[in-house]
C-alpha atoms as a PDB file:
ATOM      1  CA  MET A   1     163.181 127.941  92.997  1.00  0.00           C
ATOM      2  CA  ARG A   2     160.544 126.401  90.737  1.00  0.00           C
ATOM      3  CA  MET A   3     160.313 122.625  90.229  1.00  0.00           C
ATOM      4  CA  LYS A   4     161.765 122.827  86.718  1.00  0.00           C
ATOM      5  CA  GLU A   5     164.751 124.717  88.060  1.00  0.00           C
ATOM      6  CA  VAL A   6     165.189 122.179  90.862  1.00  0.00           C
ATOM      7  CA  CYS A   7     165.167 119.311  88.357  1.00  0.00           C
ATOM      8  CA  TYR A   8     167.635 121.123  86.132  1.00  0.00           C
ATOM      9  CA  ALA A   9     169.933 121.808  89.067  1.00  0.00           C
ATOM     10  CA  GLY A  10     169.725 118.164  90.070  1.00  0.00           C
ATOM     11  CA  GLY A  11     170.624 117.124  86.536  1.00  0.00           C
ATOM     12  CA  VAL A  12     173.629 119.449  86.511  1.00  0.00           C
ATOM     13  CA  GLU A  13     174.795 118.045  89.835  1.00  0.00           C
ATOM     14  CA  GLU A  14     174.403 114.480  88.551  1.00  0.00           C
ATOM     15  CA  GLN A  15     176.403 115.266  85.414  1.00  0.00           C
ATOM     16  CA  ALA A  16     179.117 116.892  87.549  1.00  0.00           C
ATOM     17  CA  ARG A  17     179.295 113.803  89.757  1.00  0.00           C
ATOM     18  CA  SER A  18     179.538 111.605  86.662  1.00  0.00           C
ATOM     19  CA  ARG A  19     182.402 113.673  85.249  1.00  0.00           C
ATOM     20  CA  LEU A  20     184.146 113.603  88.621  1.00  0.00           C
ATOM     21  CA  TRP A  21     183.757 109.814  88.814  1.00  0.00           C
ATOM     22  CA  ARG A  22     185.236 109.407  85.337  1.00  0.00           C
ATOM     23  CA  ARG A  23     188.231 111.589  86.249  1.00  0.00           C
ATOM     24  CA  VAL A  24     188.796 109.607  89.462  1.00  0.00           C
ATOM     25  CA  ALA A  25     188.439 106.292  87.602  1.00  0.00           C
ATOM     26  CA  ARG A  26     190.973 107.368  84.970  1.00  0.00           C
ATOM     27  CA  ARG A  27     193.428 108.283  87.713  1.00  0.00           C
ATOM     28  CA  LEU A  28     192.959 105.206  89.898  1.00  0.00           C
ATOM     29  CA  LEU A  29     192.136 102.422  87.425  1.00  0.00           C
ATOM     30  CA  SER A  30     193.938 101.027  84.424  1.00  0.00           C
ATOM     31  CA  GLY A  31     192.265 101.083  81.026  1.00  0.00           C
ATOM     32  CA  SER A  32     191.512  97.350  81.199  1.00  0.00           C
ATOM     33  CA  ALA A  33     190.034  97.709  84.683  1.00  0.00           C
ATOM     34  CA  ARG A  34     187.797 100.556  83.519  1.00  0.00           C
ATOM     35  CA  ARG A  35     186.607  98.446  80.573  1.00  0.00           C
ATOM     36  CA  ARG A  36     185.811  95.508  82.852  1.00  0.00           C
ATOM     37  CA  LEU A  37     183.904  97.796  85.209  1.00  0.00           C
ATOM     38  CA  HIS A  38     181.988  99.296  82.293  1.00  0.00           C
ATOM     39  CA  MET A  39     181.116  95.809  81.007  1.00  0.00           C
ATOM     40  CA  TRP A  40     180.008  94.740  84.499  1.00  0.00           C
ATOM     41  CA  PHE A  41     177.619  97.681  84.823  1.00  0.00           C
ATOM     42  CA  GLY A  42     176.431  97.097  81.240  1.00  0.00           C
ATOM     43  CA  ASP A  43     175.668  93.433  81.922  1.00  0.00           C
ATOM     44  CA  LEU A  44     173.852  94.350  85.132  1.00  0.00           C
ATOM     45  CA  TRP A  45     171.682  96.870  83.285  1.00  0.00           C
ATOM     46  CA  VAL A  46     170.824  94.511  80.410  1.00  0.00           C
ATOM     47  CA  VAL A  47     169.323  91.931  82.754  1.00  0.00           C
ATOM     48  CA  TYR A  48     166.615  94.392  83.814  1.00  0.00           C
ATOM     49  CA  ARG A  49     165.596  95.520  80.328  1.00  0.00           C
ATOM     50  CA  LYS A  50     161.999  94.783  79.348  1.00  0.00           C
ATOM     51  CA  ASP A  51     163.025  92.746  76.313  1.00  0.00           C
ATOM     52  CA  ARG A  52     165.247  90.488  78.437  1.00  0.00           C
ATOM     53  CA  ARG A  53     162.474  89.996  80.981  1.00  0.00           C
ATOM     54  CA  HIS A  54     160.146  89.094  78.109  1.00  0.00           C
ATOM     55  CA  LEU A  55     162.561  86.384  77.017  1.00  0.00           C
ATOM     56  CA  ASP A  56     162.846  84.955  80.528  1.00  0.00           C
ATOM     57  CA  ARG A  57     159.212  85.244  81.605  1.00  0.00           C
ATOM     58  CA  GLU A  58     157.224  84.801  78.401  1.00  0.00           C
ATOM     59  CA  LEU A  59     159.184  83.178  75.584  1.00  0.00           C
ATOM     60  CA  ILE A  60     161.152  80.557  77.488  1.00  0.00           C
ATOM     61  CA  PRO A  61     158.081  79.179  79.356  1.00  0.00           C
ATOM     62  CA  VAL A  62     156.210  78.774  76.043  1.00  0.00           C
ATOM     63  CA  ILE A  63     159.212  77.076  74.450  1.00  0.00           C
ATOM     64  CA  GLY A  64     159.404  74.845  77.512  1.00  0.00           C
ATOM     65  CA  ARG A  65     155.822  73.711  77.088  1.00  0.00           C
ATOM     66  CA  ARG A  66     156.610  72.647  73.540  1.00  0.00           C
ATOM     67  CA  GLY A  67     159.613  70.630  74.676  1.00  0.00           C
ATOM     68  CA  GLY A  68     162.363  69.115  72.600  1.00  0.00           C
ATOM     69  CA  LYS A  69     165.845  70.336  71.797  1.00  0.00           C
ATOM     70  CA  VAL A  70     166.833  74.029  71.755  1.00  0.00           C
ATOM     71  CA  LEU A  71     169.809  75.916  70.348  1.00  0.00           C
ATOM     72  CA  PHE A  72     170.664  79.270  71.968  1.00  0.00           C
ATOM     73  CA  ILE A  73     172.956  81.321  69.708  1.00  0.00           C
ATOM     74  CA  GLY A  74     175.257  83.879  71.319  1.00  0.00           C
ATOM     75  CA  CYS A  75     176.353  83.829  74.960  1.00  0.00           C
ATOM     76  CA  ARG A  76     177.187  86.641  77.337  1.00  0.00           C
ATOM     77  CA  LYS A  77     177.272  86.969  81.089  1.00  0.00           C
ATOM     78  CA  TYR A  78     173.713  88.303  81.112  1.00  0.00           C
ATOM     79  CA  THR A  79     172.481  85.193  79.239  1.00  0.00           C
ATOM     80  CA  LYS A  80     174.162  82.611  81.473  1.00  0.00           C
ATOM     81  CA  HIS A  81     170.876  81.857  83.272  1.00  0.00           C
ATOM     82  CA  CYS A  82     168.995  81.113  80.042  1.00  0.00           C
ATOM     83  CA  PRO A  83     170.334  77.556  79.536  1.00  0.00           C
ATOM     84  CA  ARG A  84     169.387  76.822  83.143  1.00  0.00           C
ATOM     85  CA  LEU A  85     165.862  78.168  82.614  1.00  0.00           C
ATOM     86  CA  LEU A  86     165.457  76.036  79.510  1.00  0.00           C
ATOM     87  CA  ALA A  87     166.909  72.923  81.132  1.00  0.00           C
ATOM     88  CA  ALA A  88     164.662  73.401  84.184  1.00  0.00           C
ATOM     89  CA  ARG A  89     161.695  72.978  81.838  1.00  0.00           C
ATOM     90  CA  GLY A  90     162.974  69.656  80.575  1.00  0.00           C
ATOM     91  CA  LEU A  91     164.593  70.928  77.381  1.00  0.00           C
ATOM     92  CA  GLU A  92     167.901  69.786  75.999  1.00  0.00           C
ATOM     93  CA  CYS A  93     169.640  73.121  75.535  1.00  0.00           C
ATOM     94  CA  TRP A  94     172.758  73.684  73.462  1.00  0.00           C
ATOM     95  CA  THR A  95     174.632  76.964  73.082  1.00  0.00           C
ATOM     96  CA  ILE A  96     177.111  78.290  70.535  1.00  0.00           C
ATOM     97  CA  ASP A  97     179.366  81.337  70.400  1.00  0.00           C
ATOM     98  CA  ILE A  98     182.417  82.132  68.297  1.00  0.00           C
ATOM     99  CA  ASP A  99     184.225  83.731  71.260  1.00  0.00           C
ATOM    100  CA  PRO A 100     186.073  81.143  73.423  1.00  0.00           C
ATOM    101  CA  ILE A 101     185.636  83.363  76.491  1.00  0.00           C
ATOM    102  CA  ALA A 102     181.846  83.040  76.162  1.00  0.00           C
ATOM    103  CA  ALA A 103     182.030  79.294  76.852  1.00  0.00           C
ATOM    104  CA  ARG A 104     181.861  80.018  80.581  1.00  0.00           C
ATOM    105  CA  TRP A 105     178.316  81.344  80.071  1.00  0.00           C
ATOM    106  CA  GLY A 106     177.111  78.546  77.809  1.00  0.00           C
ATOM    107  CA  ALA A 107     175.201  75.363  78.584  1.00  0.00           C
ATOM    108  CA  PRO A 108     177.357  73.057  80.723  1.00  0.00           C
ATOM    109  CA  GLU A 109     178.773  70.201  78.593  1.00  0.00           C
ATOM    110  CA  ARG A 110     176.575  71.318  75.686  1.00  0.00           C
ATOM    111  CA  HIS A 111     178.391  74.381  74.458  1.00  0.00           C
ATOM    112  CA  VAL A 112     180.132  74.700  71.097  1.00  0.00           C
ATOM    113  CA  ILE A 113     182.889  77.222  70.426  1.00  0.00           C
ATOM    114  CA  GLY A 114     182.307  78.080  66.807  1.00  0.00           C
ATOM    115  CA  ASP A 115     180.519  80.086  64.164  1.00  0.00           C
ATOM    116  CA  ILE A 116     176.852  79.394  63.481  1.00  0.00           C
ATOM    117  CA  LEU A 117     177.717  79.841  59.799  1.00  0.00           C
ATOM    118  CA  ASP A 118     179.738  76.591  60.054  1.00  0.00           C
ATOM    119  CA  GLU A 119     176.780  74.628  61.410  1.00  0.00           C
ATOM    120  CA  PRO A 120     177.278  71.416  59.352  1.00  0.00           C
ATOM    121  CA  SER A 121     180.428  70.702  61.358  1.00  0.00           C
ATOM    122  CA  HIS A 122     178.582  70.991  64.692  1.00  0.00           C
ATOM    123  CA  TRP A 123     175.229  69.183  64.357  1.00  0.00           C
ATOM    124  CA  PRO A 124     173.377  67.164  61.719  1.00  0.00           C
ATOM    125  CA  ALA A 125     170.409  68.632  59.861  1.00  0.00           C
ATOM    126  CA  SER A 126     167.051  68.873  61.654  1.00  0.00           C
ATOM    127  CA  SER A 127     168.673  68.634  65.095  1.00  0.00           C
ATOM    128  CA  PHE A 128     166.584  71.255  66.903  1.00  0.00           C
ATOM    129  CA  ASP A 129     162.936  71.981  67.608  1.00  0.00           C
ATOM    130  CA  THR A 130     163.591  75.638  68.512  1.00  0.00           C
ATOM    131  CA  ILE A 131     166.419  78.073  67.815  1.00  0.00           C
ATOM    132  CA  ILE A 132     166.786  81.337  69.729  1.00  0.00           C
ATOM    133  CA  LEU A 133     168.783  83.879  67.707  1.00  0.00           C
ATOM    134  CA  ASN A 134     168.631  87.010  69.831  1.00  0.00           C
ATOM    135  CA  GLY A 135     170.872  90.059  69.941  1.00  0.00           C
ATOM    136  CA  VAL A 136     173.275  88.765  67.298  1.00  0.00           C
ATOM    137  CA  PHE A 137     172.168  90.692  64.203  1.00  0.00           C
ATOM    138  CA  GLY A 138     174.029  93.982  64.408  1.00  0.00           C
ATOM    139  CA  PHE A 139     176.301  92.632  67.138  1.00  0.00           C
ATOM    140  CA  GLY A 140     178.533  90.288  65.160  1.00  0.00           C
ATOM    141  CA  LEU A 141     176.346  89.293  62.214  1.00  0.00           C
ATOM    142  CA  ASN A 142     176.265  92.756  60.698  1.00  0.00           C
ATOM    143  CA  SER A 143     176.059  92.354  56.933  1.00  0.00           C
ATOM    144  CA  GLU A 144     172.946  91.135  55.153  1.00  0.00           C
ATOM    145  CA  ARG A 145     175.070  88.418  53.569  1.00  0.00           C
ATOM    146  CA  ASP A 146     176.066  87.015  56.985  1.00  0.00           C
ATOM    147  CA  GLN A 147     172.514  87.370  58.264  1.00  0.00           C
ATOM    148  CA  ASP A 148     171.204  85.430  55.272  1.00  0.00           C
ATOM    149  CA  ALA A 149     173.826  82.754  55.886  1.00  0.00           C
ATOM    150  CA  ALA A 150     172.819  82.500  59.538  1.00  0.00           C
ATOM    151  CA  LEU A 151     169.161  82.105  58.588  1.00  0.00           C
ATOM    152  CA  ARG A 152     170.048  79.342  56.118  1.00  0.00           C
ATOM    153  CA  ALA A 153     172.026  77.618  58.866  1.00  0.00           C
ATOM    154  CA  CYS A 154     169.074  77.895  61.250  1.00  0.00           C
ATOM    155  CA  ARG A 155     166.738  76.391  58.661  1.00  0.00           C
ATOM    156  CA  LEU A 156     169.106  73.474  58.084  1.00  0.00           C
ATOM    157  CA  LEU A 157     169.316  72.809  61.813  1.00  0.00           C
ATOM    158  CA  LEU A 158     165.591  73.096  62.513  1.00  0.00           C
ATOM    159  CA  ALA A 159     163.268  70.124  62.335  1.00  0.00           C
ATOM    160  CA  LYS A 160     160.098  70.343  60.264  1.00  0.00           C
ATOM    161  CA  ASP A 161     157.824  73.078  61.696  1.00  0.00           C
ATOM    162  CA  GLY A 162     160.621  74.128  64.048  1.00  0.00           C
ATOM    163  CA  TRP A 163     160.437  77.534  65.707  1.00  0.00           C
ATOM    164  CA  LEU A 164     162.867  80.385  65.117  1.00  0.00           C
ATOM    165  CA  VAL A 165     162.774  83.067  67.820  1.00  0.00           C
ATOM    166  CA  LEU A 166     164.544  86.076  66.338  1.00  0.00           C
ATOM    167  CA  GLY A 167     165.465  89.220  68.263  1.00  0.00           C
ATOM    168  CA  TRP A 168     167.182  92.340  66.919  1.00  0.00           C
ATOM    169  CA  ASN A 169     167.538  96.078  67.479  1.00  0.00           C
ATOM    170  CA  THR A 170     166.094  98.350  64.827  1.00  0.00           C
ATOM    171  CA  ASP A 171     168.974 100.797  65.215  1.00  0.00           C
ATOM    172  CA  ARG A 172     171.557  98.067  64.609  1.00  0.00           C
ATOM    173  CA  SER A 173     170.031  95.912  61.885  1.00  0.00           C
ATOM    174  CA  VAL A 174     167.610  95.930  58.996  1.00  0.00           C
ATOM    175  CA  ASP A 175     164.297  94.226  59.667  1.00  0.00           C
ATOM    176  CA  PRO A 176     165.117  90.543  59.045  1.00  0.00           C
ATOM    177  CA  SER A 177     161.581  90.007  57.758  1.00  0.00           C
ATOM    178  CA  GLU A 178     162.679  91.883  54.634  1.00  0.00           C
ATOM    179  CA  LEU A 179     165.526  89.465  53.911  1.00  0.00           C
ATOM    180  CA  PRO A 180     164.707  87.117  51.001  1.00  0.00           C
ATOM    181  CA  THR A 181     166.188  84.144  52.832  1.00  0.00           C
ATOM    182  CA  LEU A 182     163.819  84.557  55.762  1.00  0.00           C
ATOM    183  CA  GLN A 183     160.863  84.923  53.405  1.00  0.00           C
ATOM    184  CA  ASP A 184     161.850  81.793  51.465  1.00  0.00           C
ATOM    185  CA  LEU A 185     162.678  79.493  54.381  1.00  0.00           C
ATOM    186  CA  PHE A 186     160.302  80.625  57.145  1.00  0.00           C
ATOM    187  CA  ARG A 187     156.791  81.905  57.600  1.00  0.00           C
ATOM    188  CA  PRO A 188     155.695  84.380  60.282  1.00  0.00           C
ATOM    189  CA  SER A 189     153.995  82.388  62.987  1.00  0.00           C
ATOM    190  CA  SER A 190     152.915  83.393  66.475  1.00  0.00           C
ATOM    191  CA  ILE A 191     153.609  80.838  69.154  1.00  0.00           C
ATOM    192  CA  PRO A 192     150.768  79.981  71.553  1.00  0.00           C
ATOM    193  CA  GLY A 193     149.662  82.890  73.706  1.00  0.00           C
ATOM    194  CA  LEU A 194     152.135  85.423  72.295  1.00  0.00           C
ATOM    195  CA  ALA A 195     152.117  87.938  69.471  1.00  0.00           C
ATOM    196  CA  GLN A 196     154.119  87.128  66.350  1.00  0.00           C
ATOM    197  CA  ARG A 197     156.006  90.400  66.802  1.00  0.00           C
ATOM    198  CA  GLN A 198     156.717  92.045  70.146  1.00  0.00           C
ATOM    199  CA  THR A 199     158.081  95.562  70.656  1.00  0.00           C
ATOM    200  CA  PHE A 200     158.835  97.497  73.826  1.00  0.00           C
ATOM    201  CA  ALA A 201     158.308 101.109  74.863  1.00  0.00           C
ATOM    202  CA  LYS A 202     161.484 103.214  74.823  1.00  0.00           C
ATOM    203  CA  SER A 203     163.446 100.335  73.311  1.00  0.00           C
ATOM    204  CA  THR A 204     164.630  99.503  69.806  1.00  0.00           C
ATOM    205  CA  HIS A 205     164.477  95.766  70.488  1.00  0.00           C
ATOM    206  CA  VAL A 206     162.022  93.564  68.604  1.00  0.00           C
ATOM    207  CA  TYR A 207     161.156  89.883  68.892  1.00  0.00           C
ATOM    208  CA  ALA A 208     159.507  87.984  66.063  1.00  0.00           C
ATOM    209  CA  THR A 209     158.732  84.290  65.757  1.00  0.00           C
ATOM    210  CA  PHE A 210     158.772  82.144  62.636  1.00  0.00           C
ATOM    211  CA  THR A 211     158.188  78.542  61.640  1.00  0.00           C
ATOM    212  CA  ALA A 212     160.458  76.639  59.291  1.00  0.00           C
ATOM    213  CA  VAL A 213     158.831  75.738  55.984  1.00  0.00           C
ATOM    214  CA  GLU A 214     159.388  72.634  53.917  1.00  0.00           C
ATOM    215  CA  VAL A 215     162.402  73.028  51.643  1.00  0.00           C
ATOM    216  CA  GLU A 216     162.059  71.395  48.244  1.00  0.00           C
END
């Protein structure tokens, strides 16, 4: 059997095992248990993605060197270590998520259950030196109207020359750089040692960094 045929046979066997596992899971596990198991495997896989490693190993250390106060928007199990990484670098890290369940993964004693679009009720203007808005566009903030509103909220909360670290997936969201609100309130700006825009092979995820401009 040639190598191509061996690989194909292996792929068929793997697919058969996957189908068998799904049949067994449907028979032995409840629907809610299957969903929890699927979420657990999903969270485990996300941690090892290149874009997540870039956040942990490149972006957070640079933000740490700048110092100050950071807002991390959107919490999931696979982000629970991020507040710790930020705090370990001397930053005052706050988190926010609209889902009450996500509070368990937020910054201890500095987590807000709420919508970033309601920011005036959570913090005063110019409260943060850096805001990390990653993986939220297309995963909750889906319409351009809501995305614009989130960007306006971020600008209100950022101090003068504050950094906005924005991450999105090109298959889930328009390029935020094309949104008029981003163009009006921020300017593209690379942070020290990193490109202004970072993409990843075999991934739709993009990071881009911006600086808040003076609002007249």
